[in-house]
């Protein structure tokens, strides 16, 4: 019956510009229940939460279809502030704390307790802003919330300088301090915690649930789902795949359900285009300081003529590898390219050596949006190789004719749909912008092409064109490609081998024909635990 549920999201549909991203999702969370929401990148978890919290991105793009009920009553939540009024809170993966404030001040922010003073009493209701803060009462209530959250630190301590793990528990204390709290969404809460802190957090979640507070637990760590949750809902590609009690499932099954999908896999034996075991790139203990995508001492080898895939969930470090090798973020370690040391932290040197990079951030890094297609295609070669220049005595000037001829050739070869080489790149579709990025990289005539999130933000037709292009470059020209993607299915379609990155490290390397279970276990960081393998095991043989 409805009254037993704190939250009911019924038949939720959501489109973004004609592309349906949620296909009739149902999510029900009982009072005092810990309910896990599971799915890989792009499964629809974030969009579903945006619907629940009434985020502007939902309302500014046509709203959604379906019904949201809180304690059996239909609600129309228009903003996160309204969600809070209905008793819905969130513990964010990225902390929302003010470092210079005390713990107590952070917990009570925008809900401060005040008390009368001589002036406010004299002026009455008009002097509400002249009241003093009741610091003693605020500290007292903050202390109660901290005790319930399980954090034994003084409420008067400033947040700045505290360990990262403490901040997660302060976030929890802030949510449970809200008097009408009914449901707390935990968004990847253990991502930054040590193992013991994660254990304590799960204990805190169970304590809150025992008091009647419902918990929606979003995580990629499958063992935590089994340990903490009562029920689990699995999404995949915006569709509801399964809802079941955790007592009736296990880590292996969840791994398969999370990533399993019908895809056409390449012939695993067709590796004739790969020169057997000739290592072109040898990476040893590479660490990269890319915010949100830190890499921690990864080691791997790329063979000449292969498409090497790098996958994993968001924020786990996969994006940082190519960015680090190309010199875009501070990097330490050793990278050998064709047997000699590659100078790190120097993007110009990387390009000169024969590496090229198609960034995941094509609008801010990959393209000059207010410049022509032809200039975008030519600019890297112009600056790095000093090509597309013509001698005029003592001077060298840009050879516009050569640039135009090359741009026309690339436009035809890559089928860039445009009005001509002079068109501004910012006026192209996402798929054609991506092809301009690839054209610029190819113009450098690289030996290795790094492509990061090559199909992000483009429609399904353009995705196929881009993927086919990468395969053709690899098989027809013998180009070695390192492809980083959040789309596991796409990696399995085009790659010879796929490394899965979890918590900044490579969990292992699989062939595209490996089981859904093994891919799911690796993405969740559970592979070695399940198979009782140590960190030095070679998953690449699978």
Protein backbone atom coordinates (compact mmCIF):
# COMPACT_ATOMS: atom_id res chain seq x y z
CA UNK A 1 0.00 0.00 0.00
CA UNK A 2 1.10 3.56 -0.75
CA UNK A 3 1.25 4.66 2.86
CA UNK A 4 4.11 2.21 3.50
CA UNK A 5 6.32 4.02 1.02
CA UNK A 6 8.26 7.17 1.74
CA UNK A 7 8.98 7.63 -1.97
CA UNK A 8 7.22 6.43 -5.10
CA UNK A 9 8.40 7.47 -8.56
CA UNK A 10 5.94 6.00 -11.04
CA UNK A 11 6.39 5.57 -14.81
CA UNK A 12 8.96 8.36 -15.12
CA UNK A 13 9.77 9.36 -18.69
CA UNK A 14 12.25 12.09 -19.62
CA UNK A 15 13.41 13.37 -22.99
CA UNK A 16 16.25 15.72 -23.84
CA UNK A 17 15.69 17.29 -27.25
CA UNK A 18 13.86 14.28 -28.63
CA UNK A 19 16.20 11.72 -27.08
CA UNK A 20 14.44 9.65 -24.41
CA UNK A 21 16.81 9.08 -21.47
CA UNK A 22 14.33 7.60 -18.97
CA UNK A 23 11.94 4.95 -20.25
CA UNK A 24 9.13 4.58 -17.70
CA UNK A 25 11.17 4.14 -14.52
CA UNK A 26 9.51 2.96 -11.30
CA UNK A 27 11.30 3.42 -7.98
CA UNK A 28 9.75 2.71 -4.58
CA UNK A 29 11.45 3.17 -1.22
CA UNK A 30 9.74 1.99 1.96
CA UNK A 31 9.90 3.79 5.27
CA UNK A 32 13.06 2.85 7.15
CA UNK A 33 14.46 0.96 4.13
CA UNK A 34 17.93 1.19 2.63
CA UNK A 35 17.33 0.98 -1.12
CA UNK A 36 20.31 0.77 -3.49
CA UNK A 37 20.16 2.35 -6.95
CA UNK A 38 22.66 0.73 -9.29
CA UNK A 39 23.78 1.35 -12.86
CA UNK A 40 26.84 2.29 -14.88
CA UNK A 41 27.48 5.72 -16.43
CA UNK A 42 24.54 6.88 -18.51
CA UNK A 43 22.12 4.43 -16.92
CA UNK A 44 19.80 7.27 -15.86
CA UNK A 45 20.53 7.56 -12.12
CA UNK A 46 21.46 11.25 -12.23
CA UNK A 47 18.51 12.20 -14.40
CA UNK A 48 16.13 10.35 -12.07
CA UNK A 49 17.57 12.25 -9.09
CA UNK A 50 17.26 15.53 -11.00
CA UNK A 51 13.56 14.74 -11.41
CA UNK A 52 13.20 13.96 -7.70
CA UNK A 53 14.89 17.18 -6.60
CA UNK A 54 13.14 19.40 -9.16
CA UNK A 55 16.40 20.53 -10.73
CA UNK A 56 16.26 23.37 -13.31
CA UNK A 57 17.77 21.12 -16.01
CA UNK A 58 14.51 19.11 -15.92
CA UNK A 59 12.08 22.03 -15.98
CA UNK A 60 14.08 23.99 -18.56
CA UNK A 61 13.95 21.08 -21.01
CA UNK A 62 10.23 20.36 -21.05
CA UNK A 63 9.73 18.68 -17.68
CA UNK A 64 8.98 14.97 -17.35
CA UNK A 65 6.13 12.49 -17.54
CA UNK A 66 5.06 10.36 -14.61
CA UNK A 67 4.24 10.91 -10.95
CA UNK A 68 6.27 11.47 -7.78
CA UNK A 69 4.66 10.66 -4.41
CA UNK A 70 5.95 11.37 -0.91
CA UNK A 71 4.25 9.25 1.76
CA UNK A 72 1.50 8.41 -0.72
CA UNK A 73 0.71 12.01 -1.71
CA UNK A 74 1.44 13.29 -5.20
CA UNK A 75 3.92 16.18 -5.22
CA UNK A 76 5.18 18.60 -7.87
CA UNK A 77 8.68 19.51 -6.75
CA UNK A 78 10.02 22.56 -8.60
CA UNK A 79 13.34 23.08 -6.82
CA UNK A 80 15.77 21.49 -4.33
CA UNK A 81 14.41 23.91 -1.72
CA UNK A 82 10.93 22.44 -2.22
CA UNK A 83 12.39 18.94 -1.98
CA UNK A 84 13.84 19.89 1.40
CA UNK A 85 10.40 21.09 2.56
CA UNK A 86 9.02 17.65 1.65
CA UNK A 87 11.69 16.02 3.82
CA UNK A 88 14.11 14.94 1.08
CA UNK A 89 17.83 15.51 1.61
CA UNK A 90 21.04 14.53 -0.14
CA UNK A 91 24.56 13.69 0.94
CA UNK A 92 26.59 14.77 -2.06
CA UNK A 93 29.63 13.06 -3.53
CA UNK A 94 31.21 16.53 -3.78
CA UNK A 95 31.13 18.31 -0.44
CA UNK A 96 28.95 21.38 -0.01
CA UNK A 97 30.70 22.78 3.07
CA UNK A 98 32.19 26.21 3.84
CA UNK A 99 35.78 25.64 5.06
CA UNK A 100 36.04 28.80 7.19
CA UNK A 101 32.86 28.01 9.14
CA UNK A 102 32.71 25.75 12.19
CA UNK A 103 31.06 22.34 11.97
CA UNK A 104 28.07 23.69 13.87
CA UNK A 105 27.73 26.67 11.53
CA UNK A 106 27.85 24.39 8.49
CA UNK A 107 25.20 22.08 9.93
CA UNK A 108 22.89 25.00 10.74
CA UNK A 109 23.56 27.04 7.59
CA UNK A 110 20.31 28.73 6.43
CA UNK A 111 18.52 27.21 9.44
CA UNK A 112 20.19 29.27 12.18
CA UNK A 113 18.57 29.52 15.60
CA UNK A 114 18.21 33.07 16.95
CA UNK A 115 17.33 34.63 20.29
CA UNK A 116 15.97 37.97 21.42
CA UNK A 117 18.11 40.85 22.66
CA UNK A 118 17.25 44.27 24.09
CA UNK A 119 16.96 46.02 20.68
CA UNK A 120 14.96 43.27 19.00
CA UNK A 121 12.52 43.16 21.90
CA UNK A 122 12.14 46.93 21.74
CA UNK A 123 11.48 47.07 17.99
CA UNK A 124 9.36 43.91 17.81
CA UNK A 125 8.78 41.98 14.57
CA UNK A 126 10.54 44.61 12.44
CA UNK A 127 13.86 43.76 14.10
CA UNK A 128 14.03 40.08 13.16
CA UNK A 129 17.44 40.58 11.53
CA UNK A 130 18.79 42.21 14.69
CA UNK A 131 18.37 39.07 16.79
CA UNK A 132 21.48 37.31 18.06
CA UNK A 133 22.44 33.79 17.06
CA UNK A 134 21.65 31.30 19.80
CA UNK A 135 25.06 29.64 19.52
CA UNK A 136 24.58 27.40 22.55
CA UNK A 137 21.37 25.89 21.18
CA UNK A 138 22.88 25.54 17.70
CA UNK A 139 25.93 23.75 19.14
CA UNK A 140 23.68 21.51 21.26
CA UNK A 141 21.57 20.41 18.29
CA UNK A 142 24.62 20.04 16.05
CA UNK A 143 26.20 17.80 18.69
CA UNK A 144 23.14 15.55 18.73
CA UNK A 145 23.28 15.18 14.94
CA UNK A 146 27.03 14.53 14.99
CA UNK A 147 26.55 11.81 17.63
CA UNK A 148 23.86 10.18 15.51
CA UNK A 149 26.15 10.39 12.45
CA UNK A 150 28.93 8.78 14.50
CA UNK A 151 31.48 11.63 14.30
CA UNK A 152 33.38 12.23 17.52
CA UNK A 153 34.81 15.70 16.91
CA UNK A 154 34.01 19.05 18.56
CA UNK A 155 31.17 20.96 16.92
CA UNK A 156 33.14 24.23 17.39
CA UNK A 157 36.02 23.04 15.16
CA UNK A 158 36.43 24.74 11.78
CA UNK A 159 35.93 22.52 8.73
CA UNK A 160 39.11 23.75 7.03
CA UNK A 161 41.92 21.23 7.48
CA UNK A 162 39.75 18.33 8.62
CA UNK A 163 40.31 14.92 6.97
CA UNK A 164 38.16 14.26 3.90
CA UNK A 165 36.31 11.43 5.64
CA UNK A 166 35.14 13.75 8.41
CA UNK A 167 33.50 16.04 5.85
CA UNK A 168 31.28 13.23 4.59
CA UNK A 169 29.95 12.65 8.11
CA UNK A 170 29.40 16.40 8.61
CA UNK A 171 27.27 16.33 5.45
CA UNK A 172 25.25 13.48 6.95
CA UNK A 173 24.87 15.35 10.26
CA UNK A 174 23.55 18.38 8.39
CA UNK A 175 20.86 16.33 6.67
CA UNK A 176 19.67 14.48 9.78
CA UNK A 177 19.57 17.78 11.68
CA UNK A 178 16.63 18.81 9.48
CA UNK A 179 13.61 18.14 11.68
CA UNK A 180 11.28 16.80 8.98
CA UNK A 181 13.78 14.56 7.18
CA UNK A 182 12.08 11.52 5.64
CA UNK A 183 14.44 10.39 2.88
CA UNK A 184 18.20 10.88 2.44
CA UNK A 185 19.87 10.22 -0.90
CA UNK A 186 23.48 9.08 -0.49
CA UNK A 187 25.31 9.74 -3.78
CA UNK A 188 28.47 7.60 -3.95
CA UNK A 189 29.15 8.41 -0.26
CA UNK A 190 32.03 5.97 0.20
CA UNK A 191 34.02 7.08 -2.87
CA UNK A 192 36.43 9.20 -0.79
CA UNK A 193 36.39 7.13 2.40
CA UNK A 194 38.87 4.62 3.77
CA UNK A 195 37.64 1.07 4.31
CA UNK A 196 37.04 1.62 8.03
CA UNK A 197 35.26 4.94 7.37
CA UNK A 198 33.07 3.22 4.76
CA UNK A 199 32.18 0.54 7.32
CA UNK A 200 31.23 3.27 9.81
CA UNK A 201 29.13 5.04 7.22
CA UNK A 202 27.15 1.87 6.50
CA UNK A 203 26.58 1.46 10.26
CA UNK A 204 25.30 5.06 10.36
CA UNK A 205 22.95 4.39 7.44
CA UNK A 206 21.53 1.36 9.23
CA UNK A 207 21.12 3.39 12.43
CA UNK A 208 19.17 6.08 10.55
CA UNK A 209 17.01 3.46 8.83
CA UNK A 210 16.18 1.91 12.22
CA UNK A 211 14.76 5.31 13.22
CA UNK A 212 12.38 5.30 10.27
CA UNK A 213 14.44 7.42 7.85
CA UNK A 214 14.51 6.01 4.31
CA UNK A 215 17.86 5.80 2.53
CA UNK A 216 18.41 5.82 -1.23
CA UNK A 217 21.95 4.52 -1.68
CA UNK A 218 23.64 5.26 -5.03
CA UNK A 219 26.93 3.39 -5.32
CA UNK A 220 29.06 1.36 -7.72
CA UNK A 221 30.53 -0.83 -4.97
CA UNK A 222 28.54 -4.03 -5.25
CA UNK A 223 29.72 -5.56 -1.97
CA UNK A 224 28.37 -2.47 -0.17
CA UNK A 225 24.99 -3.00 -1.83
CA UNK A 226 24.88 -6.53 -0.42
CA UNK A 227 26.10 -5.40 3.03
CA UNK A 228 23.91 -2.35 3.47
CA UNK A 229 20.78 -2.46 1.33
CA UNK A 230 17.43 -4.17 1.78
CA UNK A 231 16.39 -3.76 -1.85
CA UNK A 232 18.22 -2.92 -5.07
CA UNK A 233 16.96 -1.32 -8.27
CA UNK A 234 19.15 -1.70 -11.38
CA UNK A 235 18.96 0.73 -14.30
CA UNK A 236 20.61 0.32 -17.68
CA UNK A 237 20.41 2.67 -20.66
CA UNK A 238 17.54 4.57 -19.04
CA UNK A 239 15.46 1.43 -18.51
CA UNK A 240 14.42 -0.44 -15.38
CA UNK A 241 16.17 -3.82 -15.50
CA UNK A 242 15.45 -5.42 -12.12
CA UNK A 243 14.13 -4.76 -8.60
CA UNK A 244 14.87 -7.41 -6.00
CA UNK A 245 15.76 -7.96 -2.35
CA UNK A 246 19.51 -8.10 -1.77
CA UNK A 247 18.94 -11.32 0.16
CA UNK A 248 18.02 -12.94 -3.16
CA UNK A 249 21.03 -11.80 -5.19
CA UNK A 250 24.83 -11.61 -5.03
CA UNK A 251 27.75 -9.57 -6.32
CA UNK A 252 28.15 -11.69 -9.45
CA UNK A 253 24.53 -11.35 -10.52
CA UNK A 254 24.51 -7.59 -9.83
CA UNK A 255 27.63 -7.19 -11.95
CA UNK A 256 25.95 -8.93 -14.89
CA UNK A 257 22.71 -6.98 -14.50
CA UNK A 258 24.57 -3.66 -14.31
CA UNK A 259 26.52 -3.95 -17.57
CA UNK A 260 24.87 -6.74 -19.57
CA UNK A 261 23.53 -5.62 -22.91
CA UNK A 262 22.96 -7.04 -26.37
CA UNK A 263 25.86 -5.87 -28.51
CA UNK A 264 27.60 -7.12 -31.60
CA UNK A 265 31.07 -8.09 -30.50
CA UNK A 266 33.98 -8.17 -32.93
CA UNK A 267 35.63 -11.45 -33.81
CA UNK A 268 38.03 -11.96 -30.89
CA UNK A 269 40.40 -13.91 -33.13
CA UNK A 270 40.59 -11.19 -35.80
CA UNK A 271 43.73 -9.45 -34.60
CA UNK A 272 45.66 -9.70 -37.86
CA UNK A 273 46.02 -5.92 -37.94
CA UNK A 274 47.88 -5.97 -34.60
CA UNK A 275 51.61 -6.55 -34.86
CA UNK A 276 52.16 -9.36 -32.37
CA UNK A 277 53.36 -8.03 -29.04
CA UNK A 278 55.33 -5.09 -30.50
CA UNK A 279 55.00 -2.57 -27.67
CA UNK A 280 54.67 1.01 -28.89
CA UNK A 281 53.68 2.56 -25.54
CA UNK A 282 54.95 1.31 -22.18
CA UNK A 283 53.48 3.08 -19.15
CA UNK A 284 54.97 2.41 -15.71
CA UNK A 285 53.60 3.72 -12.38
CA UNK A 286 51.89 6.74 -13.91
CA UNK A 287 50.17 9.12 -11.48
CA UNK A 288 48.15 12.13 -12.65
CA UNK A 289 46.73 15.00 -10.60
CA UNK A 290 43.59 15.64 -12.63
CA UNK A 291 40.82 16.94 -10.32
CA UNK A 292 38.06 14.35 -10.06
CA UNK A 293 39.98 11.88 -12.23
CA UNK A 294 43.20 11.24 -10.25
CA UNK A 295 45.41 8.40 -11.49
CA UNK A 296 47.44 6.34 -9.00
CA UNK A 297 50.48 4.48 -10.29
CA UNK A 298 48.95 2.71 -13.29
CA UNK A 299 51.06 0.48 -15.52
CA UNK A 300 50.10 -0.94 -18.91
CA UNK A 301 51.40 -1.59 -22.42
CA UNK A 302 49.84 -0.74 -25.77
CA UNK A 303 50.74 -2.89 -28.79
CA UNK A 304 51.43 -1.39 -32.17
CA UNK A 305 48.36 -1.42 -34.42
CA UNK A 306 45.72 -2.17 -31.77
CA UNK A 307 42.76 -0.26 -30.40
CA UNK A 308 43.36 -0.24 -26.65
CA UNK A 309 40.31 0.67 -24.58
CA UNK A 310 40.23 2.38 -21.18
CA UNK A 311 36.90 2.18 -19.36
CA UNK A 312 35.39 2.55 -15.90
CA UNK A 313 32.81 4.55 -14.01
CA UNK A 314 32.80 8.34 -13.75
CA UNK A 315 35.38 9.89 -11.47
CA UNK A 316 37.48 6.73 -11.18
CA UNK A 317 40.52 8.04 -13.08
CA UNK A 318 40.13 6.73 -16.62
CA UNK A 319 39.98 10.24 -18.12
CA UNK A 320 43.19 11.25 -16.33
CA UNK A 321 45.43 8.71 -18.10
CA UNK A 322 45.43 10.24 -21.60
CA UNK A 323 45.34 13.78 -20.20
CA UNK A 324 48.41 12.98 -18.11
CA UNK A 325 50.40 11.32 -20.90
CA UNK A 326 49.65 14.28 -23.17
CA UNK A 327 50.86 16.75 -20.53
CA UNK A 328 47.63 18.55 -19.64
CA UNK A 329 47.84 17.84 -15.88
CA UNK A 330 50.76 17.33 -13.45
CA UNK A 331 52.09 13.82 -14.00
CA UNK A 332 54.82 11.59 -12.55
CA UNK A 333 55.97 8.14 -13.60
CA UNK A 334 57.58 6.67 -16.68
CA UNK A 335 56.25 6.51 -20.23
CA UNK A 336 58.29 4.90 -23.00
CA UNK A 337 57.23 5.61 -26.57
CA UNK A 338 58.90 3.38 -29.18
CA UNK A 339 61.48 2.38 -26.60
CA UNK A 340 62.62 5.83 -25.47
CA UNK A 341 61.50 7.98 -22.54
CA UNK A 342 58.69 10.42 -23.28
CA UNK A 343 59.17 13.78 -21.57
CA UNK A 344 56.17 14.28 -19.29
CA UNK A 345 54.28 17.50 -18.52
CA UNK A 346 55.07 18.92 -21.96
CA UNK A 347 52.17 18.87 -24.42
CA UNK A 348 54.19 20.34 -27.31
CA UNK A 349 56.82 17.62 -26.93
CA UNK A 350 54.14 14.91 -26.88
CA UNK A 351 52.68 16.23 -30.12
CA UNK A 352 56.13 16.54 -31.73
CA UNK A 353 56.97 12.95 -30.74
CA UNK A 354 54.00 11.59 -32.68
CA UNK A 355 51.12 11.50 -30.20
CA UNK A 356 47.80 13.23 -30.87
CA UNK A 357 44.82 13.77 -28.58
CA UNK A 358 41.09 14.24 -29.11
CA UNK A 359 39.95 15.65 -25.76
CA UNK A 360 36.73 14.76 -23.95
CA UNK A 361 36.14 18.51 -23.58
CA UNK A 362 35.88 19.41 -27.24
CA UNK A 363 34.13 22.75 -26.68
CA UNK A 364 36.69 24.17 -24.24
CA UNK A 365 39.91 22.36 -25.16
CA UNK A 366 39.41 20.63 -28.49
CA UNK A 367 37.99 23.44 -30.66
CA UNK A 368 38.14 27.14 -31.46
CA UNK A 369 34.39 27.57 -31.73
CA UNK A 370 34.53 31.11 -33.11
CA UNK A 371 37.00 30.17 -35.83
CA UNK A 372 36.66 28.39 -39.17
CA UNK A 373 36.70 24.65 -39.74
CA UNK A 374 39.85 24.93 -41.84
CA UNK A 375 41.75 26.84 -39.18
CA UNK A 376 40.68 24.36 -36.50
CA UNK A 377 41.96 21.50 -38.63
CA UNK A 378 45.30 23.15 -39.42
CA UNK A 379 46.21 24.95 -36.21
CA UNK A 380 48.04 22.17 -34.31
CA UNK A 381 50.22 21.24 -37.29
CA UNK A 382 50.84 24.92 -37.99
CA UNK A 383 52.20 25.53 -34.48
CA UNK A 384 53.82 22.19 -33.72
CA UNK A 385 55.35 21.19 -37.05
CA UNK A 386 55.61 24.71 -38.53
CA UNK A 387 53.82 23.42 -41.61
CA UNK A 388 51.23 25.18 -43.81
CA UNK A 389 53.76 28.03 -44.19
CA UNK A 390 55.18 29.65 -47.32
CA UNK A 391 58.54 31.38 -47.65
CA UNK A 392 58.56 35.02 -48.68
CA UNK A 393 62.25 35.90 -48.61
CA UNK A 394 63.23 36.27 -44.98
CA UNK A 395 59.65 35.79 -43.83
CA UNK A 396 57.25 32.87 -43.52
CA UNK A 397 53.55 33.47 -43.86
CA UNK A 398 50.55 31.17 -43.56
CA UNK A 399 49.86 29.32 -46.78
CA UNK A 400 46.10 29.73 -46.89
CA UNK A 401 45.80 27.83 -50.18
CA UNK A 402 47.50 24.75 -48.67
CA UNK A 403 45.28 24.96 -45.55
CA UNK A 404 42.14 25.20 -47.73
CA UNK A 405 43.16 22.22 -49.88
CA UNK A 406 43.92 20.09 -46.84
CA UNK A 407 40.67 21.09 -45.10
CA UNK A 408 38.62 20.19 -48.17
CA UNK A 409 40.38 16.81 -48.29
CA UNK A 410 39.60 16.12 -44.60
CA UNK A 411 36.00 17.33 -44.95
CA UNK A 412 35.50 14.82 -47.78
CA UNK A 413 37.44 11.98 -46.13
CA UNK A 414 35.64 12.28 -42.77
CA UNK A 415 32.29 13.34 -44.28
CA UNK A 416 32.10 16.53 -42.19
CA UNK A 417 28.64 17.94 -42.91
CA UNK A 418 29.17 21.69 -43.29
CA UNK A 419 28.59 24.68 -45.57
CA UNK A 420 32.29 24.81 -46.41
CA UNK A 421 35.75 25.12 -44.81
CA UNK A 422 35.13 28.74 -43.81
CA UNK A 423 32.10 27.92 -41.64
CA UNK A 424 32.53 28.57 -37.91
CA UNK A 425 33.03 25.31 -36.02
CA UNK A 426 30.66 26.39 -33.24
CA UNK A 427 27.78 26.25 -35.72
CA UNK A 428 28.26 22.55 -36.49
CA UNK A 429 26.37 19.68 -34.88
CA UNK A 430 28.07 17.79 -32.05
CA UNK A 431 28.96 14.85 -34.29
CA UNK A 432 30.53 17.09 -36.92
CA UNK A 433 32.44 19.04 -34.27
CA UNK A 434 33.86 15.73 -33.08
CA UNK A 435 34.96 14.90 -36.62
CA UNK A 436 36.74 18.27 -36.84
CA UNK A 437 38.60 17.36 -33.62
CA UNK A 438 39.64 14.04 -35.17
CA UNK A 439 40.65 15.80 -38.42
CA UNK A 440 42.91 18.16 -36.48
CA UNK A 441 44.54 15.23 -34.66
CA UNK A 442 45.02 13.29 -37.91
CA UNK A 443 46.58 16.33 -39.56
CA UNK A 444 49.52 15.85 -37.18
CA UNK A 445 50.02 12.39 -38.77
CA UNK A 446 50.37 10.75 -35.34
CA UNK A 447 51.66 7.28 -34.60
CA UNK A 448 49.30 6.99 -31.62
CA UNK A 449 45.90 8.66 -31.47
CA UNK A 450 44.36 9.17 -28.01
CA UNK A 451 40.60 9.74 -28.12
CA UNK A 452 38.69 10.52 -24.95
CA UNK A 453 34.89 10.12 -24.79
CA UNK A 454 34.62 10.26 -28.62
CA UNK A 455 30.82 9.82 -28.65
CA UNK A 456 29.88 12.02 -25.69
CA UNK A 457 27.02 14.40 -26.45
CA UNK A 458 26.34 13.27 -30.02
CA UNK A 459 23.33 11.46 -31.45
CA UNK A 460 23.22 7.75 -32.16
CA UNK A 461 23.76 8.12 -35.92
CA UNK A 462 26.84 10.30 -35.39
CA UNK A 463 28.14 7.84 -32.81
CA UNK A 464 28.22 5.05 -35.39
CA UNK A 465 30.01 7.28 -37.91
CA UNK A 466 32.69 8.28 -35.37
CA UNK A 467 33.24 4.68 -34.21
CA UNK A 468 33.42 3.41 -37.80
CA UNK A 469 35.95 6.13 -38.53
CA UNK A 470 38.19 5.02 -35.65
CA UNK A 471 37.99 1.38 -36.78
CA UNK A 472 38.87 2.35 -40.37
CA UNK A 473 41.84 4.45 -39.24
CA UNK A 474 43.06 1.48 -37.25
CA UNK A 475 42.53 -1.29 -39.78
CA UNK A 476 43.26 0.56 -43.04
CA UNK A 477 46.08 2.84 -41.90
CA UNK A 478 47.38 0.64 -39.06
CA UNK A 479 47.06 3.53 -36.61
CA UNK A 480 47.39 2.65 -32.94
CA UNK A 481 44.46 4.08 -30.99
CA UNK A 482 43.94 4.46 -27.25
CA UNK A 483 40.22 5.04 -26.67
CA UNK A 484 38.86 6.18 -23.32
CA UNK A 485 35.09 5.93 -22.92
CA UNK A 486 32.30 5.71 -20.38
CA UNK A 487 30.35 3.62 -22.90
CA UNK A 488 31.43 0.07 -22.16
CA UNK A 489 29.33 -1.34 -25.02
CA UNK A 490 31.17 0.89 -27.50
CA UNK A 491 34.56 -0.17 -26.15
CA UNK A 492 33.52 -3.80 -26.57
CA UNK A 493 32.48 -3.11 -30.17
CA UNK A 494 35.79 -1.67 -31.38
CA UNK A 495 38.66 -2.50 -29.00
CA UNK A 496 41.12 -5.38 -29.01
CA UNK A 497 41.67 -5.13 -25.23
CA UNK A 498 39.96 -3.07 -22.52
CA UNK A 499 41.53 -1.87 -19.26
CA UNK A 500 39.05 -1.05 -16.49
CA UNK A 501 40.04 1.74 -14.09
CA UNK A 502 38.70 1.75 -10.53
CA UNK A 503 39.71 4.22 -7.82
CA UNK A 504 42.60 5.54 -9.89
CA UNK A 505 44.12 2.12 -10.61
CA UNK A 506 43.75 -0.45 -13.35
CA UNK A 507 41.65 -3.26 -11.90
CA UNK A 508 42.52 -5.45 -14.87
CA UNK A 509 42.44 -5.86 -18.65
CA UNK A 510 39.87 -7.93 -20.53
CA UNK A 511 39.14 -9.00 -24.06
CA UNK A 512 35.88 -7.55 -25.45
CA UNK A 513 34.36 -11.06 -25.43
CA UNK A 514 34.84 -11.45 -21.66
CA UNK A 515 31.66 -12.00 -19.66
CA UNK A 516 29.34 -9.22 -18.49
CA UNK A 517 30.00 -10.47 -14.98
CA UNK A 518 33.76 -9.91 -15.21
CA UNK A 519 33.32 -6.41 -16.65
CA UNK A 520 30.82 -5.55 -13.93
CA UNK A 521 33.07 -6.91 -11.17
CA UNK A 522 36.02 -4.90 -12.46
CA UNK A 523 34.01 -1.69 -12.70
CA UNK A 524 32.87 -2.19 -9.11
CA UNK A 525 36.40 -3.00 -7.89
CA UNK A 526 35.27 -6.48 -6.86
CA UNK A 527 37.07 -8.63 -9.45
CA UNK A 528 40.13 -9.62 -7.41
CA UNK A 529 38.07 -10.16 -4.26
CA UNK A 530 35.67 -12.47 -6.09
CA UNK A 531 38.37 -14.57 -7.72
CA UNK A 532 40.73 -14.36 -4.72
CA UNK A 533 43.43 -12.82 -6.84
CA UNK A 534 46.04 -10.44 -5.52
CA UNK A 535 46.69 -7.01 -7.00
CA UNK A 536 49.53 -8.43 -9.06
CA UNK A 537 47.30 -10.92 -10.91
CA UNK A 538 47.09 -10.69 -14.69
CA UNK A 539 43.46 -10.24 -15.59
CA UNK A 540 44.51 -9.59 -19.16
CA UNK A 541 44.49 -13.32 -19.86
CA UNK A 542 40.74 -13.46 -19.55
